[in-house]
Amino acid sequence: MNNSKIESSCFKGGYFIYQNENHQNDYITKDELKITLKNVHSIKKSIISLLRNAKTNIKLCSFVLSDPEIYSELNSILNERKIAVFILTQLDQSRMSTSFLVDEENSENFSQNHIDYISKLYANGAHIRAAKFAHAKFIIVDNKEALLMSANITPPSLNENPESGVIIEQRESIDSLVKLFDIIFQYGTEYTRFKVASKDKQFVVSRDSTLKPEWLKKLPDSNIKFTWGESEQSLYYELINLINNGNANGRVLVSTYSVVGLEKIPDFIDAIKGYIQRGGKVVLFCRGMNYRSDHLKNCTLLKELGVEIYGDLFNHSKGLINDESGFIFTANIDGNHGLINGFEVGCILEKKQKDSLEEFIEWQIENAPFKFQMNPNKDDFFNTYTFYANCKGINPLELPKSIVFIVSNPKLEIELQNYPIYVLLDNSKTVRNINVGNSFYSVKMDDNQIEIVGKINRVYNMETYLLQTNDITINVKNKIVQ
């Protein structure tokens, strides 16, 4: 074997790095913007208020519903009041096993709670239908009041994670949202009812969607913009319009959970590039996920265009602000899911709402623990992970201080030398895979030796830990496997 010792002091690429100088100032709430923070739950309070004041009907759209308090409110309404409850959601388990739920929702098995709550509400009289690609979040009461939000109906989104929402005020926008819900509910849903097979088992009855794209074109013009599959992308184009119409030498603020799939939305990239070339400044706030290589790859692309990027540990809020206008929406900056496919909804903001969302994003940036940097020092990266693990309550994984990687392909040596290495554990706490840069590999670990077996597809929902050591040796076998 050929042996080599890793001696580089920096990681290649872009990463979120901890800023020691950040200060945590309290956010001053505004009535025009509903939010979630650990000590502010105005989105949840608004949902409960809307539910309790309903007179005739409730129309709720949420990717997932697993918050026990909201479930209890809905159950009470079904038991005690003559109010029709319509819930538009999704029931495809595969959508909950990838990147659609945030870390906290995946770790607490909210997907199973969601299925349990939905089936119980259905049995209790709620009208429930599901679309495979529903990711929008809003509630309409009596066809007169509406709340649009970034939050899923889950405990983290309603009690802890930064989220944002607005009460929709324009009559035309409420009417448009009502008609959009009705069309999707009636014709755009694949899952329509539950069928009980036994005491402990039931199936979801499915059908083909019968929605015709031209029906959506007839919705009244309003501040509501949305994505429906590949046939309607007004939400996406509103983002581009806001960037293109930003004042020269002005500023655009963007808030999102993640940034992925930018190669599929070139118009968005061109808009940002053009705005910066006109003298504008773009600042993005997102979740600082150094363990998501797809997120890092796309943040790097934006950084190289001149975008300033900040992050925190929990953000799930979404919005885009230029000097004159604002837009709040349910999609992430995601070319794979949401902006050009799926079902997402956004709303152009009134002046006071825009100002409030702008102040909220500015507050998040000012208090951001992370700033995105290129080619950081490894020790700074390790310090960032320590801060992340402490905040998340993650106990360090005990591994040998000296690690030897055994590889067959010399090309892997370059990856192992230049990028952070994450180890992925199965349910028995055994190291089964590693993530290096954009690649995932199956491995066999014996004592301090990790043999790379082969490349695999991206892996989700496994315990993941950063390999925090500079004492790494790479043994390259004589046989080369392409």
Protein backbone atom coordinates (compact mmCIF):
# COMPACT_ATOMS: atom_id res chain seq x y z
CA MET A 1 0.00 0.00 0.00
CA ASN A 2 0.94 3.65 -0.50
CA ASN A 3 0.60 5.65 2.71
CA SER A 4 0.03 9.40 3.01
CA LYS A 5 -0.55 11.66 5.99
CA ILE A 6 -3.07 14.51 5.77
CA GLU A 7 -1.24 17.77 6.44
CA SER A 8 -3.50 20.47 4.97
CA SER A 9 -4.64 23.07 7.52
CA CYS A 10 -7.73 24.20 5.56
CA PHE A 11 -10.83 22.63 4.07
CA LYS A 12 -11.55 23.44 0.42
CA GLY A 13 -14.89 24.98 -0.45
CA GLY A 14 -17.46 27.09 1.35
CA TYR A 15 -18.78 26.48 4.87
CA PHE A 16 -20.67 28.15 7.69
CA ILE A 17 -18.18 29.28 10.34
CA TYR A 18 -18.98 30.34 13.89
CA GLN A 19 -18.64 34.07 14.64
CA ASN A 20 -17.57 34.59 18.23
CA GLU A 21 -18.56 38.24 18.17
CA ASN A 22 -22.28 37.74 17.52
CA HIS A 23 -24.73 39.19 20.07
CA GLN A 24 -28.17 37.85 20.94
CA ASN A 25 -30.55 40.81 21.18
CA ASP A 26 -34.25 40.24 21.85
CA TYR A 27 -36.53 40.62 18.85
CA ILE A 28 -39.24 43.28 19.20
CA THR A 29 -42.43 41.76 17.82
CA LYS A 30 -44.76 43.54 15.40
CA ASP A 31 -48.47 42.87 14.93
CA GLU A 32 -48.07 42.87 11.16
CA LEU A 33 -45.80 39.81 11.19
CA LYS A 34 -46.60 36.53 12.92
CA ILE A 35 -43.51 34.59 13.94
CA THR A 36 -42.16 31.65 15.89
CA LEU A 37 -39.14 31.97 18.15
CA LYS A 38 -38.42 30.07 21.36
CA ASN A 39 -40.09 32.84 23.36
CA VAL A 40 -42.59 34.07 20.75
CA HIS A 41 -45.44 31.90 19.44
CA SER A 42 -47.63 34.36 17.54
CA ILE A 43 -48.12 32.00 14.57
CA LYS A 44 -49.54 29.31 16.84
CA LYS A 45 -51.69 31.83 18.72
CA SER A 46 -53.05 33.12 15.39
CA ILE A 47 -53.92 29.59 14.24
CA ILE A 48 -55.73 28.83 17.49
CA SER A 49 -57.57 32.15 17.37
CA LEU A 50 -58.71 31.52 13.81
CA LEU A 51 -59.89 28.00 14.70
CA ARG A 52 -61.82 29.13 17.79
CA ASN A 53 -63.52 31.99 15.93
CA ALA A 54 -64.61 29.88 12.96
CA LYS A 55 -68.35 29.85 12.30
CA THR A 56 -68.94 27.69 9.21
CA ASN A 57 -65.77 26.15 7.75
CA ILE A 58 -62.04 25.69 8.17
CA LYS A 59 -59.65 25.03 5.29
CA LEU A 60 -56.18 24.01 6.39
CA CYS A 61 -53.26 23.23 4.13
CA SER A 62 -50.09 21.85 5.74
CA PHE A 63 -47.33 19.53 4.60
CA VAL A 64 -47.45 17.80 7.98
CA LEU A 65 -49.77 18.02 11.00
CA SER A 66 -48.27 16.65 14.20
CA ASP A 67 -48.67 19.38 16.84
CA PRO A 68 -50.81 17.94 19.66
CA GLU A 69 -52.33 21.28 20.64
CA ILE A 70 -53.57 22.09 17.12
CA TYR A 71 -54.77 18.49 16.73
CA SER A 72 -56.73 18.84 19.98
CA GLU A 73 -58.30 22.11 18.79
CA LEU A 74 -59.40 20.49 15.52
CA ASN A 75 -60.72 17.43 17.32
CA SER A 76 -62.75 19.60 19.70
CA ILE A 77 -64.26 21.49 16.78
CA LEU A 78 -65.30 18.22 15.12
CA ASN A 79 -66.81 16.92 18.37
CA GLU A 80 -68.53 20.02 19.66
CA ARG A 81 -69.32 22.42 16.80
CA LYS A 82 -71.12 22.19 13.49
CA ILE A 83 -68.18 23.38 11.42
CA ALA A 84 -66.89 21.73 8.27
CA VAL A 85 -63.15 20.99 8.48
CA PHE A 86 -61.19 20.49 5.25
CA ILE A 87 -57.53 19.46 5.46
CA LEU A 88 -55.21 19.39 2.45
CA THR A 89 -51.94 17.62 3.20
CA GLN A 90 -49.72 14.83 1.92
CA LEU A 91 -49.57 11.17 2.93
CA ASP A 92 -46.60 9.93 0.93
CA GLN A 93 -44.10 8.51 3.45
CA SER A 94 -41.24 8.84 0.96
CA ARG A 95 -41.66 12.61 1.08
CA MET A 96 -40.91 12.48 4.80
CA SER A 97 -37.82 10.32 4.52
CA THR A 98 -35.71 12.75 2.49
CA SER A 99 -35.08 16.46 3.02
CA PHE A 100 -38.66 17.75 3.29
CA LEU A 101 -38.75 17.66 7.09
CA VAL A 102 -36.21 19.62 9.09
CA ASP A 103 -33.86 17.75 11.42
CA GLU A 104 -35.99 18.24 14.53
CA GLU A 105 -39.10 16.87 12.79
CA ASN A 106 -37.28 13.81 11.47
CA SER A 107 -35.69 13.02 14.82
CA GLU A 108 -38.99 13.06 16.71
CA ASN A 109 -40.88 10.76 14.29
CA PHE A 110 -43.39 13.45 13.41
CA SER A 111 -44.20 11.65 10.16
CA GLN A 112 -45.85 8.81 12.08
CA ASN A 113 -47.63 11.27 14.39
CA HIS A 114 -48.87 13.03 11.27
CA ILE A 115 -50.40 9.86 9.84
CA ASP A 116 -51.97 9.00 13.20
CA TYR A 117 -53.50 12.44 13.69
CA ILE A 118 -54.78 12.67 10.13
CA SER A 119 -56.44 9.25 10.29
CA LYS A 120 -58.10 10.10 13.63
CA LEU A 121 -59.39 13.44 12.33
CA TYR A 122 -60.72 11.67 9.25
CA ALA A 123 -62.51 9.11 11.42
CA ASN A 124 -63.97 11.98 13.45
CA GLY A 125 -65.51 13.68 10.42
CA ALA A 126 -62.86 15.90 8.88
CA HIS A 127 -62.74 16.04 5.09
CA ILE A 128 -59.16 15.07 4.28
CA ARG A 129 -57.38 14.81 0.96
CA ALA A 130 -53.73 14.68 0.07
CA ALA A 131 -51.62 15.76 -2.88
CA LYS A 132 -48.25 14.05 -3.36
CA PHE A 133 -46.39 17.33 -3.68
CA ALA A 134 -48.27 19.56 -1.22
CA HIS A 135 -45.79 21.69 0.75
CA ALA A 136 -47.86 24.88 1.15
CA LYS A 137 -48.93 26.08 4.61
CA PHE A 138 -52.00 28.25 5.16
CA ILE A 139 -55.34 28.32 6.92
CA ILE A 140 -58.62 29.91 5.80
CA VAL A 141 -61.62 30.41 8.09
CA ASP A 142 -65.20 31.01 6.84
CA ASN A 143 -63.70 32.03 3.48
CA LYS A 144 -63.08 35.44 5.09
CA GLU A 145 -59.83 35.27 7.07
CA ALA A 146 -56.52 33.67 6.13
CA LEU A 147 -53.01 33.12 7.50
CA LEU A 148 -50.09 32.21 5.21
CA MET A 149 -46.95 30.93 6.93
CA SER A 150 -43.65 29.13 6.53
CA ALA A 151 -44.45 26.86 9.49
CA ASN A 152 -45.54 23.26 9.33
CA ILE A 153 -48.08 22.24 11.98
CA THR A 154 -45.38 20.60 14.11
CA PRO A 155 -44.08 21.33 17.63
CA PRO A 156 -40.68 22.68 16.41
CA SER A 157 -42.27 24.99 13.82
CA LEU A 158 -44.88 26.38 16.22
CA ASN A 159 -42.80 26.54 19.41
CA GLU A 160 -39.10 26.95 18.63
CA ASN A 161 -37.77 27.31 15.07
CA PRO A 162 -37.72 30.78 13.46
CA GLU A 163 -40.82 30.98 11.23
CA SER A 164 -42.80 33.80 9.67
CA GLY A 165 -46.37 34.37 8.56
CA VAL A 166 -48.91 37.07 7.73
CA ILE A 167 -52.63 37.57 8.00
CA ILE A 168 -53.81 38.13 4.44
CA GLU A 169 -55.71 41.39 4.31
CA GLN A 170 -56.76 42.01 0.70
CA ARG A 171 -60.20 40.65 -0.16
CA GLU A 172 -59.05 39.70 -3.65
CA SER A 173 -56.15 37.71 -2.23
CA ILE A 174 -58.38 35.81 0.21
CA ASP A 175 -60.83 34.99 -2.58
CA SER A 176 -57.98 33.78 -4.77
CA LEU A 177 -56.58 31.58 -1.99
CA VAL A 178 -60.03 30.12 -1.28
CA LYS A 179 -60.55 29.21 -4.93
CA LEU A 180 -57.02 27.80 -5.18
CA PHE A 181 -57.64 25.57 -2.14
CA ASP A 182 -61.00 24.41 -3.50
CA ILE A 183 -59.61 23.49 -6.92
CA ILE A 184 -56.62 21.62 -5.52
CA PHE A 185 -58.75 19.87 -2.88
CA GLN A 186 -61.37 18.72 -5.36
CA TYR A 187 -59.28 17.90 -8.41
CA GLY A 188 -55.56 18.00 -7.56
CA THR A 189 -55.44 15.35 -4.84
CA GLU A 190 -54.39 11.74 -5.30
CA TYR A 191 -55.28 10.47 -1.81
CA THR A 192 -58.94 10.84 -0.91
CA ARG A 193 -59.90 8.57 2.01
CA PHE A 194 -58.79 5.91 4.46
CA LYS A 195 -59.97 2.31 4.27
CA VAL A 196 -59.84 0.27 7.47
CA ALA A 197 -58.45 -3.24 7.02
CA SER A 198 -58.32 -4.24 10.68
CA LYS A 199 -58.15 -2.74 14.15
CA ASP A 200 -54.50 -1.78 13.72
CA LYS A 201 -54.18 -1.41 9.96
CA GLN A 202 -55.63 0.85 7.33
CA PHE A 203 -54.86 1.90 3.77
CA VAL A 204 -55.02 5.25 2.01
CA VAL A 205 -57.24 5.09 -1.07
CA SER A 206 -55.62 6.77 -4.07
CA ARG A 207 -56.74 8.03 -7.47
CA ASP A 208 -55.32 10.03 -10.36
CA SER A 209 -55.44 13.81 -10.22
CA THR A 210 -58.01 15.28 -12.63
CA LEU A 211 -56.98 18.93 -12.36
CA LYS A 212 -56.70 20.79 -15.64
CA PRO A 213 -53.99 23.48 -15.69
CA GLU A 214 -56.25 25.99 -17.45
CA TRP A 215 -58.52 26.09 -14.38
CA LEU A 216 -55.70 27.66 -12.38
CA LYS A 217 -55.15 30.31 -15.06
CA LYS A 218 -58.66 31.60 -14.41
CA LEU A 219 -58.02 32.51 -10.77
CA PRO A 220 -58.51 36.25 -10.09
CA ASP A 221 -55.38 38.38 -10.18
CA SER A 222 -54.19 39.16 -6.67
CA ASN A 223 -51.17 39.22 -4.37
CA ILE A 224 -51.32 35.41 -4.13
CA LYS A 225 -48.69 33.63 -6.23
CA PHE A 226 -48.18 29.88 -6.31
CA THR A 227 -46.51 26.85 -7.79
CA TRP A 228 -48.53 23.90 -9.06
CA GLY A 229 -46.47 21.20 -10.74
CA GLU A 230 -44.85 22.42 -13.89
CA SER A 231 -47.96 24.19 -15.15
CA GLU A 232 -48.01 27.22 -12.81
CA GLN A 233 -44.91 28.95 -11.48
CA SER A 234 -46.04 32.47 -10.60
CA LEU A 235 -44.33 32.19 -7.19
CA TYR A 236 -40.97 31.55 -8.82
CA TYR A 237 -41.37 34.40 -11.27
CA GLU A 238 -42.40 36.81 -8.52
CA LEU A 239 -39.05 36.13 -6.81
CA ILE A 240 -37.25 36.91 -10.06
CA ASN A 241 -39.31 40.07 -10.63
CA LEU A 242 -38.49 41.38 -7.15
CA ILE A 243 -34.76 40.86 -7.74
CA ASN A 244 -34.84 42.34 -11.25
CA ASN A 245 -36.83 45.35 -10.04
CA GLY A 246 -34.57 46.05 -7.08
CA ASN A 247 -33.04 49.51 -7.00
CA ALA A 248 -29.55 49.84 -8.43
CA ASN A 249 -27.12 50.22 -5.51
CA GLY A 250 -29.91 48.96 -3.26
CA ARG A 251 -30.32 45.73 -1.29
CA VAL A 252 -32.17 42.43 -1.56
CA LEU A 253 -32.69 40.25 1.53
CA VAL A 254 -33.53 36.55 1.21
CA SER A 255 -34.50 34.15 3.99
CA THR A 256 -34.83 30.39 3.48
CA TYR A 257 -34.28 27.05 5.17
CA SER A 258 -32.01 25.67 2.43
CA VAL A 259 -30.50 26.53 -0.94
CA VAL A 260 -30.40 23.59 -3.36
CA GLY A 261 -30.97 22.73 -7.01
CA LEU A 262 -29.90 26.13 -8.38
CA GLU A 263 -28.79 24.52 -11.63
CA LYS A 264 -32.48 23.93 -12.38
CA ILE A 265 -33.51 27.58 -11.88
CA PRO A 266 -31.03 29.54 -14.04
CA ASP A 267 -33.36 32.55 -14.27
CA PHE A 268 -32.99 33.01 -10.51
CA ILE A 269 -29.20 32.88 -10.77
CA ASP A 270 -29.21 35.31 -13.70
CA ALA A 271 -31.41 37.73 -11.74
CA ILE A 272 -29.02 37.73 -8.77
CA LYS A 273 -25.97 38.07 -11.02
CA GLY A 274 -27.53 40.97 -12.91
CA TYR A 275 -28.61 42.76 -9.75
CA ILE A 276 -25.12 42.57 -8.24
CA GLN A 277 -23.60 43.79 -11.50
CA ARG A 278 -25.91 46.84 -11.31
CA GLY A 279 -24.40 47.66 -7.92
CA GLY A 280 -26.97 45.94 -5.74
CA LYS A 281 -26.20 43.99 -2.58
CA VAL A 282 -27.74 40.57 -1.92
CA VAL A 283 -27.75 39.15 1.62
CA LEU A 284 -29.05 35.65 2.29
CA PHE A 285 -30.01 34.13 5.64
CA CYS A 286 -30.53 30.39 5.96
CA ARG A 287 -29.85 27.42 8.18
CA GLY A 288 -26.11 26.82 8.57
CA MET A 289 -26.00 23.16 7.60
CA ASN A 290 -22.38 22.12 7.10
CA TYR A 291 -23.52 18.48 6.97
CA ARG A 292 -25.66 19.10 3.84
CA SER A 293 -23.23 19.00 0.90
CA ASP A 294 -25.98 19.96 -1.55
CA HIS A 295 -26.75 23.06 0.52
CA LEU A 296 -23.05 24.01 0.77
CA LYS A 297 -22.53 23.52 -2.97
CA ASN A 298 -25.31 25.97 -3.83
CA CYS A 299 -24.36 28.48 -1.14
CA THR A 300 -20.85 28.42 -2.61
CA LEU A 301 -22.28 29.24 -6.03
CA LEU A 302 -24.09 32.27 -4.58
CA LYS A 303 -21.05 33.32 -2.57
CA GLU A 304 -18.94 33.31 -5.73
CA LEU A 305 -21.51 35.61 -7.35
CA GLY A 306 -21.02 38.08 -4.50
CA VAL A 307 -23.89 37.17 -2.16
CA GLU A 308 -23.27 37.65 1.58
CA ILE A 309 -24.53 34.59 3.46
CA TYR A 310 -25.33 34.18 7.16
CA GLY A 311 -26.87 31.29 9.02
CA ASP A 312 -28.23 29.94 12.27
CA LEU A 313 -29.11 26.54 13.69
CA PHE A 314 -32.89 26.49 13.30
CA ASN A 315 -34.21 28.88 10.61
CA HIS A 316 -37.25 27.77 8.60
CA SER A 317 -38.60 31.23 7.75
CA LYS A 318 -38.95 32.25 4.10
CA GLY A 319 -39.14 35.63 2.44
CA LEU A 320 -37.60 38.04 -0.09
CA ILE A 321 -37.36 41.80 0.32
CA ASN A 322 -36.11 44.56 -1.99
CA ASP A 323 -36.07 48.27 -1.18
CA GLU A 324 -39.69 48.75 -2.18
CA SER A 325 -41.54 45.44 -1.94
CA GLY A 326 -41.72 42.19 0.01
CA PHE A 327 -42.87 38.63 -0.58
CA ILE A 328 -43.47 35.81 1.91
CA PHE A 329 -43.77 32.22 0.74
CA THR A 330 -43.76 28.56 1.75
CA ALA A 331 -41.08 27.26 -0.64
CA ASN A 332 -37.37 27.06 0.02
CA ILE A 333 -34.86 28.39 -2.52
CA ASP A 334 -34.99 24.95 -4.08
CA GLY A 335 -34.89 24.05 -7.76
CA ASN A 336 -35.58 20.40 -6.98
CA HIS A 337 -38.78 20.77 -4.99
CA GLY A 338 -41.07 23.76 -4.75
CA LEU A 339 -40.12 26.68 -6.97
CA ILE A 340 -40.78 24.99 -10.31
CA ASN A 341 -42.82 21.98 -9.19
CA GLY A 342 -44.93 20.79 -6.27
CA PHE A 343 -47.55 22.95 -4.52
CA GLU A 344 -46.32 26.13 -2.82
CA VAL A 345 -47.97 29.48 -2.09
CA GLY A 346 -46.70 33.02 -1.52
CA CYS A 347 -48.17 36.47 -0.94
CA ILE A 348 -46.96 39.94 -1.93
CA LEU A 349 -46.89 41.97 1.28
CA GLU A 350 -48.57 45.19 2.28
CA LYS A 351 -46.19 48.04 3.22
CA LYS A 352 -46.28 47.48 7.01
CA GLN A 353 -45.95 43.73 6.56
CA LYS A 354 -42.96 44.22 4.27
CA ASP A 355 -41.28 46.52 6.78
CA SER A 356 -41.87 44.03 9.60
CA LEU A 357 -40.47 41.08 7.64
CA GLU A 358 -37.46 43.18 6.64
CA GLU A 359 -36.78 44.04 10.29
CA PHE A 360 -37.11 40.37 11.25
CA ILE A 361 -34.59 39.20 8.64
CA GLU A 362 -32.23 42.05 9.59
CA TRP A 363 -32.47 40.96 13.23
CA GLN A 364 -31.67 37.37 12.23
CA ILE A 365 -28.61 38.50 10.27
CA GLU A 366 -27.36 40.77 13.07
CA ASN A 367 -27.58 37.89 15.54
CA ALA A 368 -26.42 35.15 13.20
CA PRO A 369 -23.94 32.74 14.81
CA PHE A 370 -22.55 31.70 11.40
CA LYS A 371 -21.10 33.44 8.38
CA PHE A 372 -20.39 31.59 5.14
CA GLN A 373 -16.68 31.58 4.30
CA MET A 374 -14.47 30.03 1.66
CA ASN A 375 -11.61 27.61 2.49
CA PRO A 376 -11.77 27.96 6.29
CA ASN A 377 -9.12 26.81 8.72
CA LYS A 378 -9.85 23.27 9.96
CA ASP A 379 -9.66 24.31 13.60
CA ASP A 380 -12.26 27.03 12.99
CA PHE A 381 -14.46 24.43 11.31
CA PHE A 382 -14.05 22.04 14.23
CA ASN A 383 -14.91 24.87 16.67
CA THR A 384 -18.03 25.56 14.62
CA TYR A 385 -19.08 21.94 14.91
CA THR A 386 -18.49 21.99 18.67
CA PHE A 387 -20.77 25.04 18.98
CA TYR A 388 -23.36 23.33 16.76
CA ALA A 389 -23.24 20.09 18.77
CA ASN A 390 -23.55 21.91 22.09
CA CYS A 391 -26.58 23.89 20.93
CA LYS A 392 -28.25 20.81 19.47
CA GLY A 393 -27.50 18.69 22.53
CA ILE A 394 -25.38 16.25 20.52
CA ASN A 395 -22.93 14.20 22.54
CA PRO A 396 -19.56 13.77 20.79
CA LEU A 397 -18.98 10.39 19.19
CA GLU A 398 -16.04 8.60 20.76
CA LEU A 399 -13.70 7.48 17.99
CA PRO A 400 -9.97 6.68 17.98
CA LYS A 401 -7.85 9.84 17.86
CA SER A 402 -5.85 8.41 14.96
CA ILE A 403 -7.81 7.18 11.93
CA VAL A 404 -6.51 5.14 8.99
CA PHE A 405 -8.57 5.11 5.77
CA ILE A 406 -8.07 2.19 3.38
CA VAL A 407 -9.04 3.06 -0.19
CA SER A 408 -8.74 1.37 -3.57
CA ASN A 409 -9.17 4.42 -5.74
CA PRO A 410 -6.38 7.04 -5.45
CA LYS A 411 -8.92 9.75 -6.37
CA LEU A 412 -10.52 9.30 -2.97
CA GLU A 413 -7.28 10.44 -1.37
CA ILE A 414 -7.90 13.96 -2.69
CA GLU A 415 -11.43 14.05 -1.23
CA LEU A 416 -10.32 12.78 2.16
CA GLN A 417 -7.49 15.31 2.32
CA ASN A 418 -9.52 18.37 1.39
CA TYR A 419 -13.07 18.02 2.71
CA PRO A 420 -14.77 17.41 6.07
CA ILE A 421 -15.52 13.77 6.79
CA TYR A 422 -18.79 12.76 8.42
CA VAL A 423 -19.45 9.27 9.77
CA LEU A 424 -23.00 7.87 9.57
CA LEU A 425 -24.25 5.35 12.12
CA ASP A 426 -26.98 2.72 11.82
CA ASN A 427 -29.46 1.89 14.59
CA SER A 428 -26.86 -0.31 16.32
CA LYS A 429 -24.48 2.68 16.52
CA THR A 430 -22.12 1.05 13.99
CA VAL A 431 -20.35 3.25 11.43
CA ARG A 432 -21.80 2.15 8.07
CA ASN A 433 -21.26 5.10 5.76
CA ILE A 434 -19.24 8.26 5.40
CA ASN A 435 -19.99 11.56 3.68
CA VAL A 436 -17.06 13.42 2.12
CA GLY A 437 -17.80 16.56 0.11
CA ASN A 438 -20.67 15.73 -2.26
CA SER A 439 -20.10 11.96 -2.06
CA PHE A 440 -21.37 9.14 0.15
CA TYR A 441 -19.59 5.82 0.64
CA SER A 442 -20.33 2.53 2.37
CA VAL A 443 -17.54 1.56 4.75
CA LYS A 444 -16.31 -1.14 7.13
CA MET A 445 -14.76 0.06 10.38
CA ASP A 446 -12.47 -2.08 12.50
CA ASP A 447 -10.76 -0.42 15.47
CA ASN A 448 -9.15 2.73 13.99
CA GLN A 449 -9.30 1.54 10.36
CA ILE A 450 -12.08 2.57 7.99
CA GLU A 451 -12.15 0.73 4.66
CA ILE A 452 -14.14 2.41 1.91
CA VAL A 453 -16.19 -0.28 0.15
CA GLY A 454 -17.98 1.69 -2.56
CA LYS A 455 -19.84 4.81 -3.56
CA ILE A 456 -23.57 5.01 -2.75
CA ASN A 457 -26.46 7.42 -3.23
CA ARG A 458 -27.16 10.20 -0.73
CA VAL A 459 -28.25 8.81 2.62
CA TYR A 460 -30.88 10.42 4.85
CA ASN A 461 -31.98 10.00 8.46
CA MET A 462 -28.86 8.35 9.89
CA GLU A 463 -27.01 9.61 12.95
CA THR A 464 -24.23 11.80 11.59
CA TYR A 465 -21.07 13.04 13.31
CA LEU A 466 -18.10 15.06 12.14
CA LEU A 467 -14.76 13.28 12.28
CA GLN A 468 -12.88 15.81 14.41
CA THR A 469 -9.24 14.89 14.04
CA ASN A 470 -6.21 16.05 12.11
CA ASP A 471 -4.47 12.70 12.67
CA ILE A 472 -5.60 10.88 9.53
CA THR A 473 -3.57 8.49 7.39
CA ILE A 474 -4.68 7.22 3.98
CA ASN A 475 -3.59 3.82 2.71
CA VAL A 476 -4.13 3.34 -1.01
CA LYS A 477 -4.32 -0.27 -2.16
CA ASN A 478 -2.32 -1.26 -5.23
CA LYS A 479 -5.47 -2.37 -7.00
CA ILE A 480 -7.41 0.56 -8.47
CA VAL A 481 -11.19 0.27 -8.67
CA GLN A 482 -12.80 2.72 -11.08
